[in-house]
Amino acid sequence: MKRTQTRKLALAGLLTAVAVVGSMFSFPVLGSKCAPIQHMVNVICAVFLGPWYGVASAFVASLLRNLLGLGSPMAFPGSMCGALLCGLMYRKLPRLLPTCMAEVFGTGILGGLAAYPVAIYIIGQDAGQVAFYAYIVPFLISTVVGSVIAGLALSALRSTGALKTLTA
């Protein structure tokens, strides 16, 4: 039991580091900055660690990105909503496609909606005026790309049999 917890904690730390370092890599898509690594990490955490480690990893990654000046306060609701939803989905229905779709909905829609109050209270922006274009569209673009990357990587692991070995 203790060995399993230590292993999960170490993997969560590694994936958190990947998310923080990966936040430095982004590219423009349709006028939005696409930074898909956090979303890829959310799906991988859902499969390997479950929802609670995924949420903790997303929180720590968001906190570190903000402390290092690599992110904004909007990283918290987006990444944590996505991590929770895709982790719960994989626990309930352990299949990759619904898990990736849950990440997209959790981050893109729920995280985008949750970013409104954060924007109003922390940044001072009027979220009502910039709602759809400022949060939901960029969150959706990044999360779709990150979920596709995670889905492809995990599918490749599953086809070789490595996913079953790694999750056992």
N, C-alpha and C. Protein backbone atom coordinates (compact mmCIF):
# COMPACT_ATOMS: atom_id res chain seq x y z
N MET A 1 0.82 -1.19 0.00
CA MET A 1 0.00 0.00 0.00
C MET A 1 0.87 1.26 0.00
N LYS A 2 1.86 1.32 0.89
CA LYS A 2 2.72 2.49 0.98
C LYS A 2 3.55 2.65 -0.30
N ARG A 3 3.98 1.51 -0.87
CA ARG A 3 4.78 1.57 -2.09
C ARG A 3 3.95 2.12 -3.25
N THR A 4 2.67 1.75 -3.31
CA THR A 4 1.79 2.26 -4.35
C THR A 4 1.59 3.77 -4.20
N GLN A 5 1.41 4.23 -2.98
CA GLN A 5 1.24 5.66 -2.75
C GLN A 5 2.50 6.44 -3.11
N THR A 6 3.64 5.89 -2.78
CA THR A 6 4.91 6.54 -3.11
C THR A 6 5.09 6.61 -4.62
N ARG A 7 4.74 5.53 -5.28
CA ARG A 7 4.85 5.49 -6.74
C ARG A 7 3.91 6.52 -7.39
N LYS A 8 2.68 6.61 -6.88
CA LYS A 8 1.73 7.58 -7.42
C LYS A 8 2.20 9.01 -7.17
N LEU A 9 2.72 9.26 -5.99
CA LEU A 9 3.21 10.59 -5.66
C LEU A 9 4.40 10.98 -6.55
N ALA A 10 5.29 10.04 -6.79
CA ALA A 10 6.44 10.31 -7.66
C ALA A 10 5.98 10.58 -9.09
N LEU A 11 5.02 9.80 -9.58
CA LEU A 11 4.52 10.03 -10.94
C LEU A 11 3.77 11.35 -11.02
N ALA A 12 3.01 11.69 -9.99
CA ALA A 12 2.32 12.98 -9.98
C ALA A 12 3.33 14.13 -10.01
N GLY A 13 4.41 14.01 -9.26
CA GLY A 13 5.45 15.03 -9.28
C GLY A 13 6.10 15.16 -10.65
N LEU A 14 6.37 14.03 -11.27
CA LEU A 14 6.97 14.04 -12.61
C LEU A 14 6.03 14.69 -13.62
N LEU A 15 4.75 14.31 -13.58
CA LEU A 15 3.79 14.89 -14.52
C LEU A 15 3.55 16.37 -14.25
N THR A 16 3.62 16.77 -12.99
CA THR A 16 3.51 18.19 -12.66
C THR A 16 4.69 18.96 -13.26
N ALA A 17 5.87 18.40 -13.16
CA ALA A 17 7.06 19.04 -13.75
C ALA A 17 6.93 19.14 -15.27
N VAL A 18 6.42 18.10 -15.89
CA VAL A 18 6.19 18.12 -17.34
C VAL A 18 5.21 19.25 -17.70
N ALA A 19 4.15 19.41 -16.90
CA ALA A 19 3.17 20.46 -17.16
C ALA A 19 3.78 21.85 -17.01
N VAL A 20 4.61 22.04 -15.99
CA VAL A 20 5.23 23.35 -15.77
C VAL A 20 6.22 23.67 -16.89
N VAL A 21 7.09 22.74 -17.20
CA VAL A 21 8.07 22.98 -18.28
C VAL A 21 7.36 23.10 -19.62
N GLY A 22 6.34 22.28 -19.81
CA GLY A 22 5.59 22.30 -21.07
C GLY A 22 4.82 23.59 -21.28
N SER A 23 4.57 24.33 -20.22
CA SER A 23 3.84 25.60 -20.37
C SER A 23 4.67 26.64 -21.11
N MET A 24 5.96 26.41 -21.23
CA MET A 24 6.82 27.35 -21.96
C MET A 24 6.70 27.15 -23.47
N PHE A 25 6.08 26.07 -23.88
CA PHE A 25 5.93 25.77 -25.30
C PHE A 25 4.48 26.01 -25.71
N SER A 26 4.30 26.94 -26.62
CA SER A 26 2.97 27.23 -27.14
C SER A 26 3.12 27.68 -28.59
N PHE A 27 1.99 27.64 -29.28
CA PHE A 27 1.99 28.09 -30.66
C PHE A 27 0.64 28.72 -30.96
N PRO A 28 0.62 29.66 -31.92
CA PRO A 28 -0.64 30.34 -32.22
C PRO A 28 -1.57 29.47 -33.07
N VAL A 29 -2.85 29.47 -32.71
CA VAL A 29 -3.88 28.78 -33.48
C VAL A 29 -5.11 29.68 -33.49
N LEU A 30 -5.54 30.10 -34.65
CA LEU A 30 -6.74 30.93 -34.81
C LEU A 30 -6.75 32.14 -33.88
N GLY A 31 -5.63 32.79 -33.76
CA GLY A 31 -5.54 33.98 -32.93
C GLY A 31 -5.45 33.70 -31.43
N SER A 32 -5.32 32.44 -31.06
CA SER A 32 -5.22 32.07 -29.66
C SER A 32 -3.87 31.40 -29.42
N LYS A 33 -3.39 31.51 -28.19
CA LYS A 33 -2.15 30.83 -27.82
C LYS A 33 -2.50 29.42 -27.36
N CYS A 34 -2.01 28.43 -28.07
CA CYS A 34 -2.31 27.04 -27.76
C CYS A 34 -1.15 26.44 -26.97
N ALA A 35 -1.43 26.08 -25.72
CA ALA A 35 -0.44 25.46 -24.85
C ALA A 35 -1.04 24.14 -24.34
N PRO A 36 -0.87 23.05 -25.08
CA PRO A 36 -1.63 21.82 -24.82
C PRO A 36 -1.05 20.88 -23.77
N ILE A 37 0.12 21.14 -23.25
CA ILE A 37 0.79 20.15 -22.40
C ILE A 37 0.02 19.89 -21.11
N GLN A 38 -0.52 20.91 -20.45
CA GLN A 38 -1.29 20.69 -19.21
C GLN A 38 -2.47 19.76 -19.46
N HIS A 39 -3.10 19.89 -20.60
CA HIS A 39 -4.27 19.08 -20.91
C HIS A 39 -3.87 17.63 -21.19
N MET A 40 -2.72 17.48 -21.83
CA MET A 40 -2.18 16.14 -22.04
C MET A 40 -1.87 15.49 -20.69
N VAL A 41 -1.28 16.26 -19.79
CA VAL A 41 -0.95 15.75 -18.45
C VAL A 41 -2.22 15.38 -17.69
N ASN A 42 -3.28 16.18 -17.84
CA ASN A 42 -4.54 15.87 -17.15
C ASN A 42 -5.07 14.50 -17.57
N VAL A 43 -5.04 14.20 -18.85
CA VAL A 43 -5.55 12.91 -19.33
C VAL A 43 -4.65 11.78 -18.85
N ILE A 44 -3.35 11.98 -18.91
CA ILE A 44 -2.42 10.94 -18.45
C ILE A 44 -2.60 10.70 -16.95
N CYS A 45 -2.77 11.76 -16.17
CA CYS A 45 -3.04 11.60 -14.73
C CYS A 45 -4.33 10.84 -14.50
N ALA A 46 -5.35 11.11 -15.29
CA ALA A 46 -6.62 10.41 -15.13
C ALA A 46 -6.44 8.91 -15.31
N VAL A 47 -5.65 8.52 -16.29
CA VAL A 47 -5.46 7.10 -16.58
C VAL A 47 -4.56 6.44 -15.54
N PHE A 48 -3.46 7.06 -15.19
CA PHE A 48 -2.48 6.43 -14.32
C PHE A 48 -2.73 6.67 -12.82
N LEU A 49 -3.32 7.81 -12.47
CA LEU A 49 -3.37 8.20 -11.06
C LEU A 49 -4.77 8.38 -10.48
N GLY A 50 -5.73 8.71 -11.30
CA GLY A 50 -7.08 8.96 -10.81
C GLY A 50 -7.36 10.44 -10.64
N PRO A 51 -8.61 10.76 -10.29
CA PRO A 51 -9.02 12.17 -10.27
C PRO A 51 -8.36 13.02 -9.21
N TRP A 52 -8.12 12.49 -8.03
CA TRP A 52 -7.62 13.34 -6.93
C TRP A 52 -6.16 13.70 -7.11
N TYR A 53 -5.35 12.75 -7.54
CA TYR A 53 -3.96 13.08 -7.86
C TYR A 53 -3.91 14.02 -9.07
N GLY A 54 -4.82 13.82 -10.01
CA GLY A 54 -4.87 14.69 -11.18
C GLY A 54 -5.18 16.13 -10.80
N VAL A 55 -6.17 16.32 -9.92
CA VAL A 55 -6.51 17.67 -9.46
C VAL A 55 -5.35 18.28 -8.68
N ALA A 56 -4.73 17.49 -7.83
CA ALA A 56 -3.58 17.99 -7.06
C ALA A 56 -2.43 18.38 -7.99
N SER A 57 -2.17 17.56 -8.98
CA SER A 57 -1.11 17.86 -9.95
C SER A 57 -1.43 19.14 -10.72
N ALA A 58 -2.68 19.28 -11.15
CA ALA A 58 -3.09 20.49 -11.88
C ALA A 58 -2.97 21.73 -11.01
N PHE A 59 -3.34 21.61 -9.73
CA PHE A 59 -3.23 22.75 -8.82
C PHE A 59 -1.77 23.16 -8.62
N VAL A 60 -0.92 22.18 -8.35
CA VAL A 60 0.50 22.49 -8.10
C VAL A 60 1.15 23.05 -9.36
N ALA A 61 0.82 22.48 -10.52
CA ALA A 61 1.38 23.01 -11.78
C ALA A 61 0.91 24.44 -12.01
N SER A 62 -0.36 24.72 -11.77
CA SER A 62 -0.88 26.09 -11.93
C SER A 62 -0.20 27.05 -10.97
N LEU A 63 -0.04 26.61 -9.72
CA LEU A 63 0.62 27.44 -8.72
C LEU A 63 2.06 27.74 -9.11
N LEU A 64 2.79 26.72 -9.52
CA LEU A 64 4.19 26.92 -9.93
C LEU A 64 4.28 27.81 -11.16
N ARG A 65 3.40 27.60 -12.13
CA ARG A 65 3.43 28.46 -13.33
C ARG A 65 3.16 29.91 -12.96
N ASN A 66 2.25 30.15 -12.05
CA ASN A 66 1.97 31.53 -11.63
C ASN A 66 3.14 32.12 -10.85
N LEU A 67 3.73 31.34 -9.96
CA LEU A 67 4.88 31.83 -9.19
C LEU A 67 6.09 32.12 -10.08
N LEU A 68 6.24 31.34 -11.15
CA LEU A 68 7.37 31.53 -12.06
C LEU A 68 7.07 32.52 -13.18
N GLY A 69 5.86 33.06 -13.21
CA GLY A 69 5.49 34.02 -14.24
C GLY A 69 5.21 33.38 -15.58
N LEU A 70 4.87 32.10 -15.59
CA LEU A 70 4.62 31.39 -16.84
C LEU A 70 3.13 31.21 -17.13
N GLY A 71 2.29 31.63 -16.21
CA GLY A 71 0.86 31.42 -16.39
C GLY A 71 0.06 32.57 -15.80
N SER A 72 -1.25 32.41 -15.86
CA SER A 72 -2.15 33.41 -15.30
C SER A 72 -3.06 32.73 -14.29
N PRO A 73 -3.78 33.50 -13.51
CA PRO A 73 -4.71 32.90 -12.55
C PRO A 73 -5.79 32.03 -13.21
N MET A 74 -6.03 32.22 -14.49
CA MET A 74 -7.01 31.40 -15.20
C MET A 74 -6.56 29.95 -15.34
N ALA A 75 -5.29 29.68 -15.04
CA ALA A 75 -4.79 28.31 -15.11
C ALA A 75 -5.46 27.42 -14.06
N PHE A 76 -5.83 28.00 -12.94
CA PHE A 76 -6.41 27.20 -11.85
C PHE A 76 -7.75 26.59 -12.23
N PRO A 77 -8.76 27.40 -12.58
CA PRO A 77 -10.05 26.77 -12.87
C PRO A 77 -10.02 25.88 -14.10
N GLY A 78 -9.30 26.29 -15.12
CA GLY A 78 -9.26 25.50 -16.35
C GLY A 78 -8.66 24.13 -16.14
N SER A 79 -7.46 24.10 -15.60
CA SER A 79 -6.78 22.81 -15.48
C SER A 79 -7.41 21.92 -14.41
N MET A 80 -7.88 22.50 -13.33
CA MET A 80 -8.43 21.68 -12.25
C MET A 80 -9.80 21.10 -12.60
N CYS A 81 -10.64 21.87 -13.28
CA CYS A 81 -11.94 21.34 -13.73
C CYS A 81 -11.74 20.20 -14.71
N GLY A 82 -10.83 20.39 -15.64
CA GLY A 82 -10.55 19.34 -16.62
C GLY A 82 -9.98 18.09 -15.99
N ALA A 83 -9.04 18.26 -15.07
CA ALA A 83 -8.43 17.11 -14.41
C ALA A 83 -9.45 16.32 -13.60
N LEU A 84 -10.32 17.02 -12.90
CA LEU A 84 -11.33 16.34 -12.10
C LEU A 84 -12.32 15.58 -12.98
N LEU A 85 -12.82 16.24 -14.01
CA LEU A 85 -13.82 15.61 -14.85
C LEU A 85 -13.28 14.42 -15.61
N CYS A 86 -12.09 14.54 -16.18
CA CYS A 86 -11.56 13.40 -16.94
C CYS A 86 -11.12 12.28 -16.00
N GLY A 87 -10.67 12.61 -14.80
CA GLY A 87 -10.33 11.57 -13.83
C GLY A 87 -11.56 10.79 -13.38
N LEU A 88 -12.65 11.50 -13.12
CA LEU A 88 -13.90 10.84 -12.74
C LEU A 88 -14.45 9.99 -13.89
N MET A 89 -14.32 10.51 -15.10
CA MET A 89 -14.81 9.77 -16.27
C MET A 89 -14.03 8.47 -16.45
N TYR A 90 -12.70 8.54 -16.33
CA TYR A 90 -11.90 7.33 -16.52
C TYR A 90 -12.17 6.33 -15.40
N ARG A 91 -12.45 6.81 -14.22
CA ARG A 91 -12.76 5.91 -13.12
C ARG A 91 -14.09 5.20 -13.39
N LYS A 92 -15.07 5.94 -13.91
CA LYS A 92 -16.40 5.38 -14.17
C LYS A 92 -16.42 4.54 -15.44
N LEU A 93 -15.75 5.00 -16.48
CA LEU A 93 -15.75 4.34 -17.79
C LEU A 93 -14.32 4.34 -18.31
N PRO A 94 -13.54 3.31 -18.01
CA PRO A 94 -12.10 3.34 -18.35
C PRO A 94 -11.82 3.15 -19.84
N ARG A 95 -12.21 4.19 -20.60
CA ARG A 95 -11.92 4.21 -22.03
C ARG A 95 -11.34 5.58 -22.38
N LEU A 96 -10.48 5.60 -23.38
CA LEU A 96 -9.74 6.83 -23.67
C LEU A 96 -10.59 7.92 -24.31
N LEU A 97 -11.44 7.58 -25.26
CA LEU A 97 -12.22 8.62 -25.95
C LEU A 97 -13.13 9.39 -25.00
N PRO A 98 -13.93 8.73 -24.15
CA PRO A 98 -14.74 9.51 -23.21
C PRO A 98 -13.90 10.31 -22.22
N THR A 99 -12.74 9.79 -21.86
CA THR A 99 -11.85 10.51 -20.94
C THR A 99 -11.33 11.78 -21.59
N CYS A 100 -10.91 11.69 -22.84
CA CYS A 100 -10.44 12.88 -23.57
C CYS A 100 -11.57 13.88 -23.78
N MET A 101 -12.76 13.38 -24.06
CA MET A 101 -13.92 14.27 -24.23
C MET A 101 -14.27 14.97 -22.92
N ALA A 102 -14.12 14.26 -21.80
CA ALA A 102 -14.38 14.86 -20.50
C ALA A 102 -13.36 15.96 -20.20
N GLU A 103 -12.12 15.76 -20.60
CA GLU A 103 -11.09 16.80 -20.43
C GLU A 103 -11.46 18.03 -21.23
N VAL A 104 -11.88 17.83 -22.47
CA VAL A 104 -12.26 18.96 -23.33
C VAL A 104 -13.44 19.71 -22.72
N PHE A 105 -14.47 19.00 -22.28
CA PHE A 105 -15.63 19.66 -21.68
C PHE A 105 -15.27 20.31 -20.34
N GLY A 106 -14.50 19.60 -19.52
CA GLY A 106 -14.15 20.12 -18.21
C GLY A 106 -13.30 21.38 -18.28
N THR A 107 -12.29 21.36 -19.14
CA THR A 107 -11.42 22.54 -19.25
C THR A 107 -12.04 23.60 -20.15
N GLY A 108 -12.48 23.17 -21.34
CA GLY A 108 -12.95 24.13 -22.33
C GLY A 108 -14.22 24.86 -21.93
N ILE A 109 -15.20 24.12 -21.43
CA ILE A 109 -16.48 24.74 -21.10
C ILE A 109 -16.55 25.11 -19.61
N LEU A 110 -16.44 24.11 -18.74
CA LEU A 110 -16.55 24.40 -17.30
C LEU A 110 -15.41 25.29 -16.80
N GLY A 111 -14.18 25.00 -17.23
CA GLY A 111 -13.04 25.82 -16.82
C GLY A 111 -13.14 27.23 -17.39
N GLY A 112 -13.62 27.34 -18.63
CA GLY A 112 -13.82 28.65 -19.23
C GLY A 112 -14.86 29.46 -18.49
N LEU A 113 -15.95 28.80 -18.09
CA LEU A 113 -16.98 29.49 -17.31
C LEU A 113 -16.48 29.86 -15.92
N ALA A 114 -15.71 28.97 -15.32
CA ALA A 114 -15.17 29.25 -13.98
C ALA A 114 -14.12 30.35 -14.01
N ALA A 115 -13.55 30.63 -15.16
CA ALA A 115 -12.54 31.68 -15.28
C ALA A 115 -13.15 33.08 -15.18
N TYR A 116 -14.46 33.21 -15.43
CA TYR A 116 -15.10 34.52 -15.36
C TYR A 116 -14.95 35.17 -14.00
N PRO A 117 -15.37 34.49 -12.91
CA PRO A 117 -15.22 35.15 -11.60
C PRO A 117 -13.77 35.40 -11.23
N VAL A 118 -12.88 34.50 -11.66
CA VAL A 118 -11.46 34.70 -11.39
C VAL A 118 -10.98 35.97 -12.09
N ALA A 119 -11.42 36.15 -13.32
CA ALA A 119 -11.03 37.35 -14.07
C ALA A 119 -11.58 38.62 -13.43
N ILE A 120 -12.80 38.55 -12.96
CA ILE A 120 -13.42 39.74 -12.35
C ILE A 120 -12.74 40.10 -11.04
N TYR A 121 -12.55 39.12 -10.16
CA TYR A 121 -12.05 39.42 -8.82
C TYR A 121 -10.54 39.55 -8.72
N ILE A 122 -9.80 38.80 -9.52
CA ILE A 122 -8.35 38.84 -9.40
C ILE A 122 -7.73 39.81 -10.40
N ILE A 123 -8.16 39.73 -11.63
CA ILE A 123 -7.55 40.55 -12.67
C ILE A 123 -8.30 41.86 -12.87
N GLY A 124 -9.58 41.89 -12.54
CA GLY A 124 -10.35 43.11 -12.67
C GLY A 124 -10.99 43.29 -14.03
N GLN A 125 -10.98 42.28 -14.85
CA GLN A 125 -11.60 42.39 -16.17
C GLN A 125 -13.09 42.17 -16.04
N ASP A 126 -13.84 42.77 -16.92
CA ASP A 126 -15.27 42.52 -16.98
C ASP A 126 -15.49 41.30 -17.86
N ALA A 127 -15.67 40.17 -17.23
CA ALA A 127 -15.78 38.91 -17.95
C ALA A 127 -17.01 38.85 -18.85
N GLY A 128 -18.04 39.59 -18.52
CA GLY A 128 -19.24 39.57 -19.34
C GLY A 128 -18.99 40.09 -20.74
N GLN A 129 -18.07 41.01 -20.89
CA GLN A 129 -17.80 41.59 -22.21
C GLN A 129 -16.87 40.72 -23.05
N VAL A 130 -16.04 39.93 -22.40
CA VAL A 130 -15.05 39.15 -23.14
C VAL A 130 -15.27 37.65 -23.00
N ALA A 131 -16.40 37.27 -22.46
CA ALA A 131 -16.68 35.89 -22.05
C ALA A 131 -16.26 34.82 -23.05
N PHE A 132 -16.94 34.74 -24.14
CA PHE A 132 -16.76 33.62 -25.06
C PHE A 132 -15.37 33.62 -25.69
N TYR A 133 -14.96 34.73 -26.24
CA TYR A 133 -13.71 34.77 -26.99
C TYR A 133 -12.47 34.76 -26.12
N ALA A 134 -12.56 35.32 -24.93
CA ALA A 134 -11.37 35.43 -24.09
C ALA A 134 -11.05 34.16 -23.34
N TYR A 135 -12.03 33.35 -23.03
CA TYR A 135 -11.77 32.18 -22.19
C TYR A 135 -12.18 30.86 -22.84
N ILE A 136 -13.42 30.74 -23.25
CA ILE A 136 -13.88 29.44 -23.73
C ILE A 136 -13.16 29.02 -25.01
N VAL A 137 -13.05 29.88 -25.99
CA VAL A 137 -12.40 29.51 -27.26
C VAL A 137 -10.93 29.14 -27.06
N PRO A 138 -10.11 29.97 -26.38
CA PRO A 138 -8.72 29.56 -26.18
C PRO A 138 -8.58 28.28 -25.34
N PHE A 139 -9.42 28.15 -24.30
CA PHE A 139 -9.36 26.93 -23.49
C PHE A 139 -9.71 25.72 -24.35
N LEU A 140 -10.73 25.85 -25.20
CA LEU A 140 -11.13 24.72 -26.06
C LEU A 140 -10.03 24.34 -27.04
N ILE A 141 -9.40 25.32 -27.63
CA ILE A 141 -8.34 25.02 -28.61
C ILE A 141 -7.20 24.27 -27.94
N SER A 142 -6.73 24.76 -26.82
CA SER A 142 -5.61 24.10 -26.12
C SER A 142 -5.99 22.71 -25.63
N THR A 143 -7.19 22.58 -25.08
CA THR A 143 -7.56 21.29 -24.51
C THR A 143 -7.83 20.24 -25.57
N VAL A 144 -8.35 20.64 -26.72
CA VAL A 144 -8.55 19.66 -27.80
C VAL A 144 -7.21 19.14 -28.28
N VAL A 145 -6.27 20.03 -28.50
CA VAL A 145 -4.94 19.61 -28.97
C VAL A 145 -4.26 18.72 -27.92
N GLY A 146 -4.29 19.13 -26.66
CA GLY A 146 -3.67 18.33 -25.60
C GLY A 146 -4.33 16.98 -25.42
N SER A 147 -5.65 16.93 -25.52
CA SER A 147 -6.36 15.66 -25.38
C SER A 147 -6.07 14.72 -26.54
N VAL A 148 -5.94 15.26 -27.73
CA VAL A 148 -5.59 14.43 -28.89
C VAL A 148 -4.19 13.85 -28.72
N ILE A 149 -3.25 14.68 -28.28
CA ILE A 149 -1.88 14.19 -28.05
C ILE A 149 -1.87 13.08 -27.02
N ALA A 150 -2.57 13.29 -25.90
CA ALA A 150 -2.63 12.27 -24.84
C ALA A 150 -3.32 11.01 -25.35
N GLY A 151 -4.41 11.18 -26.08
CA GLY A 151 -5.13 10.03 -26.62
C GLY A 151 -4.26 9.20 -27.55
N LEU A 152 -3.50 9.88 -28.41
CA LEU A 152 -2.61 9.16 -29.33
C LEU A 152 -1.49 8.44 -28.57
N ALA A 153 -0.91 9.12 -27.59
CA ALA A 153 0.18 8.50 -26.82
C ALA A 153 -0.33 7.30 -26.02
N LEU A 154 -1.47 7.46 -25.38
CA LEU A 154 -2.02 6.36 -24.58
C LEU A 154 -2.52 5.21 -25.46
N SER A 155 -3.04 5.53 -26.64
CA SER A 155 -3.45 4.49 -27.58
C SER A 155 -2.25 3.69 -28.06
N ALA A 156 -1.15 4.38 -28.30
CA ALA A 156 0.08 3.69 -28.71
C ALA A 156 0.57 2.77 -27.60
N LEU A 157 0.51 3.26 -26.36
CA LEU A 157 0.89 2.41 -25.22
C LEU A 157 -0.04 1.21 -25.08
N ARG A 158 -1.32 1.42 -25.32
CA ARG A 158 -2.29 0.33 -25.20
C ARG A 158 -2.07 -0.71 -26.30
N SER A 159 -1.77 -0.26 -27.52
CA SER A 159 -1.59 -1.22 -28.63
C SER A 159 -0.35 -2.08 -28.45
N THR A 160 0.63 -1.59 -27.73
CA THR A 160 1.84 -2.40 -27.48
C THR A 160 1.72 -3.24 -26.21
N GLY A 161 0.65 -3.01 -25.44
CA GLY A 161 0.48 -3.73 -24.19
C GLY A 161 1.13 -3.06 -23.01
N ALA A 162 1.83 -1.97 -23.26
CA ALA A 162 2.54 -1.28 -22.18
C ALA A 162 1.59 -0.58 -21.22
N LEU A 163 0.44 -0.13 -21.71
CA LEU A 163 -0.51 0.58 -20.85
C LEU A 163 -1.01 -0.35 -19.75
N LYS A 164 -1.32 -1.56 -20.10
CA LYS A 164 -1.80 -2.52 -19.09
C LYS A 164 -0.72 -2.81 -18.05
N THR A 165 0.51 -2.93 -18.52
CA THR A 165 1.62 -3.17 -17.59
C THR A 165 1.85 -1.98 -16.68
N LEU A 166 1.79 -0.78 -17.22
CA LEU A 166 2.06 0.43 -16.45
C LEU A 166 0.96 0.75 -15.45
N THR A 167 -0.27 0.40 -15.76
CA THR A 167 -1.38 0.71 -14.85
C THR A 167 -1.62 -0.41 -13.84
N ALA A 168 -0.93 -1.51 -13.98
CA ALA A 168 -1.14 -2.63 -13.05
C ALA A 168 -0.43 -2.41 -11.73
